[in-house]
Amino acid sequence: MVYVTIKEQTADRLHLSREPTTRSWSIVVGCLSLAFGAACYTADNMAWKLFYVCALSYLGVSTLEDWEDCVFDRSTGQVTIRKVGLLRKMFQPTADQKCVVSNLSEIVQVKVNTNTVRYAGNCHQLVLVFSAGYSMGVTETFTFGDKSEHENIADIIRNFLKLDEDRIEEDKEEYEDDTTASSTGDSFEQIDDSEVVDETTQ
């Protein structure tokens, strides 16, 4: 499964979404199969069978990955990151979703963090870096696989936010400031050799 899916991409809005992977759903199906298998083929009483079904069903649902959305909106000037799990959808459908909102103008960098897991390899996460010094993941999930897919999404976000253009403009302003400072340093009053007094002759 891809790292994130682009739900919407316009000049003013970029919506990225991540859903539970096939592997995550497979774990849920496996737990449910064990639950109903134990209920159907064991000689235990009904109370124990009900316990098997409830416990294994809860275990499967609790291990399911969350639905995550990251929305960049130029009209509001905000980036919104939402996360909701299946348990919350089932038992608290009207409750507020876990949501983080920040200003688009404060994003200064988009990068890919890599974490090495022993015996499993490298996993990656796309991260937004803010001018205040803190960072926030586009998703809370680190994923295994090809890093280039994360880099491609990072390039899409950079292009939407025009971070490369902003960096070029900042470099241009810094260059102009340095040039102005150099010109100011060269504008001191020039003194002719005839005006220089040799103190050794006095």
Protein backbone atom coordinates (compact mmCIF):
# COMPACT_ATOMS: atom_id res chain seq x y z
CA MET A 1 0.00 0.00 0.00
CA VAL A 2 1.17 3.55 -0.74
CA TYR A 3 2.35 5.77 2.09
CA VAL A 4 -0.44 8.32 1.64
CA THR A 5 -3.14 8.90 -0.96
CA ILE A 6 -3.71 12.30 -2.54
CA LYS A 7 -7.43 12.89 -2.09
CA GLU A 8 -7.43 16.42 -3.48
CA GLN A 9 -4.81 18.60 -5.13
CA THR A 10 -5.63 22.11 -6.32
CA ALA A 11 -3.89 25.48 -6.24
CA ASP A 12 -5.45 26.28 -2.84
CA ARG A 13 -5.89 22.88 -1.21
CA LEU A 14 -3.86 19.69 -0.77
CA HIS A 15 -5.48 16.75 1.04
CA LEU A 16 -3.37 13.71 1.96
CA SER A 17 -4.94 10.62 3.50
CA ARG A 18 -3.70 7.36 4.97
CA GLU A 19 -5.92 4.36 5.69
CA PRO A 20 -5.26 1.03 7.45
CA THR A 21 -3.04 -1.23 5.38
CA THR A 22 -3.90 -4.69 4.06
CA ARG A 23 -1.61 -6.22 6.68
CA SER A 24 -3.50 -4.41 9.42
CA TRP A 25 -6.87 -5.66 8.13
CA SER A 26 -5.43 -9.17 7.86
CA ILE A 27 -4.66 -9.15 11.58
CA VAL A 28 -8.26 -8.17 12.32
CA VAL A 29 -9.61 -10.97 10.10
CA GLY A 30 -7.24 -13.46 11.74
CA CYS A 31 -8.38 -12.51 15.24
CA LEU A 32 -12.05 -12.74 14.26
CA SER A 33 -11.45 -16.15 12.67
CA LEU A 34 -9.83 -17.42 15.86
CA ALA A 35 -12.68 -16.00 17.93
CA PHE A 36 -15.47 -17.70 15.98
CA GLY A 37 -13.41 -20.86 15.57
CA ALA A 38 -13.00 -21.11 19.33
CA ALA A 39 -16.70 -20.42 19.82
CA CYS A 40 -17.79 -23.08 17.35
CA TYR A 41 -15.33 -25.90 17.95
CA THR A 42 -14.59 -25.83 21.68
CA ALA A 43 -16.56 -27.76 24.28
CA ASP A 44 -16.62 -24.86 26.73
CA ASN A 45 -19.85 -23.39 28.01
CA MET A 46 -21.53 -20.39 26.41
CA ALA A 47 -19.97 -17.88 28.81
CA TRP A 48 -16.45 -18.89 27.80
CA LYS A 49 -17.35 -18.88 24.12
CA LEU A 50 -18.72 -15.37 24.45
CA PHE A 51 -15.56 -14.35 26.24
CA TYR A 52 -13.40 -15.74 23.38
CA VAL A 53 -15.38 -13.82 20.78
CA CYS A 54 -15.32 -10.52 22.68
CA ALA A 55 -11.66 -10.69 23.70
CA LEU A 56 -10.26 -11.68 20.32
CA SER A 57 -12.54 -9.25 18.48
CA TYR A 58 -11.37 -6.40 20.72
CA LEU A 59 -7.74 -7.45 20.22
CA GLY A 60 -8.11 -7.39 16.46
CA VAL A 61 -9.91 -4.05 16.33
CA SER A 62 -7.47 -2.39 18.75
CA THR A 63 -4.47 -3.36 16.59
CA LEU A 64 -6.00 -1.83 13.46
CA GLU A 65 -4.17 1.23 12.20
CA ASP A 66 -5.88 4.62 12.33
CA TRP A 67 -7.33 6.77 9.57
CA GLU A 68 -5.13 9.86 9.19
CA ASP A 69 -5.70 13.02 7.15
CA CYS A 70 -3.44 16.00 6.52
CA VAL A 71 -5.02 19.01 4.81
CA PHE A 72 -3.09 22.08 3.60
CA ASP A 73 -5.52 24.94 2.94
CA ARG A 74 -4.36 28.27 1.51
CA SER A 75 -7.80 29.87 1.94
CA THR A 76 -7.56 29.51 5.73
CA GLY A 77 -3.76 29.60 5.93
CA GLN A 78 -3.74 26.46 8.05
CA VAL A 79 -2.56 22.88 8.00
CA THR A 80 -4.87 20.43 9.77
CA ILE A 81 -3.90 16.91 10.81
CA ARG A 82 -6.66 14.55 11.96
CA LYS A 83 -6.52 11.02 13.34
CA VAL A 84 -9.34 8.63 14.20
CA GLY A 85 -9.40 4.93 15.06
CA LEU A 86 -12.03 2.27 14.47
CA LEU A 87 -12.83 1.95 18.19
CA ARG A 88 -13.61 5.66 18.37
CA LYS A 89 -15.75 5.40 15.24
CA MET A 90 -17.68 2.50 16.75
CA PHE A 91 -18.17 3.68 20.34
CA GLN A 92 -17.80 7.48 20.07
CA PRO A 93 -19.06 8.40 16.60
CA THR A 94 -20.11 11.89 17.67
CA ALA A 95 -16.96 12.69 19.66
CA ASP A 96 -14.47 15.24 18.39
CA GLN A 97 -11.65 13.81 16.34
CA LYS A 98 -8.04 14.15 17.42
CA CYS A 99 -6.97 17.25 15.51
CA VAL A 100 -3.87 19.46 15.31
CA VAL A 101 -3.98 22.85 13.53
CA SER A 102 -1.00 25.07 12.65
CA ASN A 103 -0.24 27.99 10.37
CA LEU A 104 1.03 27.31 6.87
CA SER A 105 3.28 30.36 7.00
CA GLU A 106 5.26 28.83 9.88
CA ILE A 107 6.34 25.76 7.88
CA VAL A 108 9.97 26.23 6.84
CA GLN A 109 10.97 22.73 5.78
CA VAL A 110 9.57 19.35 4.77
CA LYS A 111 11.83 16.35 5.36
CA VAL A 112 11.80 12.57 5.67
CA ASN A 113 12.91 11.07 8.97
CA THR A 114 14.38 7.57 8.93
CA ASN A 115 14.35 5.20 11.89
CA THR A 116 16.23 1.89 11.93
CA VAL A 117 14.41 -1.07 13.47
CA ARG A 118 16.55 -4.05 14.40
CA TYR A 119 15.91 -7.12 12.24
CA ALA A 120 13.27 -5.23 10.26
CA GLY A 121 15.12 -2.51 8.37
CA ASN A 122 14.48 1.20 7.93
CA CYS A 123 11.12 2.90 8.37
CA HIS A 124 10.29 6.43 7.30
CA GLN A 125 8.02 9.31 8.29
CA LEU A 126 7.27 12.59 6.55
CA VAL A 127 7.78 15.55 8.89
CA LEU A 128 6.88 19.26 8.76
CA VAL A 129 9.41 21.59 10.41
CA PHE A 130 8.11 24.91 11.81
CA SER A 131 9.88 28.21 12.37
CA ALA A 132 9.38 27.91 16.13
CA GLY A 133 11.71 24.89 16.11
CA TYR A 134 9.24 22.06 16.60
CA SER A 135 8.29 19.42 14.03
CA MET A 136 5.11 17.48 13.33
CA GLY A 137 4.56 14.30 11.34
CA VAL A 138 2.22 14.33 8.37
CA THR A 139 1.22 10.94 9.78
CA GLU A 140 2.03 9.45 13.17
CA THR A 141 2.91 6.17 11.47
CA PHE A 142 6.42 5.20 10.40
CA THR A 143 6.25 2.94 7.35
CA PHE A 144 8.67 0.43 5.88
CA GLY A 145 9.54 0.31 2.23
CA ASP A 146 11.02 2.57 -0.40
CA LYS A 147 12.08 5.99 0.85
CA SER A 148 11.58 7.51 -2.61
CA GLU A 149 7.80 7.38 -2.18
CA HIS A 150 8.08 9.59 0.91
CA GLU A 151 10.43 11.92 -0.97
CA ASN A 152 7.91 12.26 -3.81
CA ILE A 153 5.17 13.29 -1.37
CA ALA A 154 7.61 15.71 0.28
CA ASP A 155 8.28 17.32 -3.12
CA ILE A 156 4.53 17.71 -3.72
CA ILE A 157 4.13 19.48 -0.37
CA ARG A 158 7.16 21.72 -1.04
CA ASN A 159 5.78 22.71 -4.43
CA PHE A 160 2.35 23.44 -2.94
CA LEU A 161 3.87 25.58 -0.17
CA LYS A 162 6.43 27.07 -2.60
CA LEU A 163 9.18 26.52 -0.07
CA ASP A 164 11.92 26.39 -2.72
CA GLU A 165 10.78 29.74 -4.16
CA ASP A 166 10.72 31.28 -0.68
CA ARG A 167 14.24 29.99 -0.02
CA ILE A 168 15.50 31.50 -3.30
CA GLU A 169 13.87 34.83 -2.39
CA GLU A 170 15.48 34.76 1.07
CA ASP A 171 18.89 34.02 -0.44
CA LYS A 172 18.38 36.92 -2.87
CA GLU A 173 17.51 39.29 -0.02
CA GLU A 174 20.54 38.16 1.98
CA TYR A 175 22.76 38.72 -1.07
CA GLU A 176 21.33 42.22 -1.56
CA ASP A 177 21.91 43.02 2.13
CA ASP A 178 25.51 41.84 1.89
CA THR A 179 26.03 43.91 -1.27
CA THR A 180 24.57 46.99 0.42
CA ALA A 181 26.82 46.46 3.44
CA SER A 182 29.88 46.11 1.20
CA SER A 183 28.97 49.30 -0.68
CA THR A 184 28.59 51.15 2.61
CA GLY A 185 32.00 49.94 3.73
CA ASP A 186 33.60 51.23 0.53
CA SER A 187 31.97 54.65 0.85
CA PHE A 188 34.35 56.00 3.52
CA GLU A 189 36.00 59.32 2.78
CA GLN A 190 39.11 58.92 0.64
CA ILE A 191 42.30 60.65 1.85
CA ASP A 192 45.00 61.82 -0.52
CA ASP A 193 48.61 60.91 0.11
CA SER A 194 49.41 64.61 0.53
CA GLU A 195 47.14 64.78 3.56
CA VAL A 196 48.93 62.00 5.38
CA VAL A 197 51.33 63.28 8.02
CA ASP A 198 54.40 61.22 8.83
CA GLU A 199 54.80 61.47 12.62
CA THR A 200 58.43 60.29 12.47
CA THR A 201 59.44 63.51 10.75
CA GLN A 202 58.03 65.70 13.48
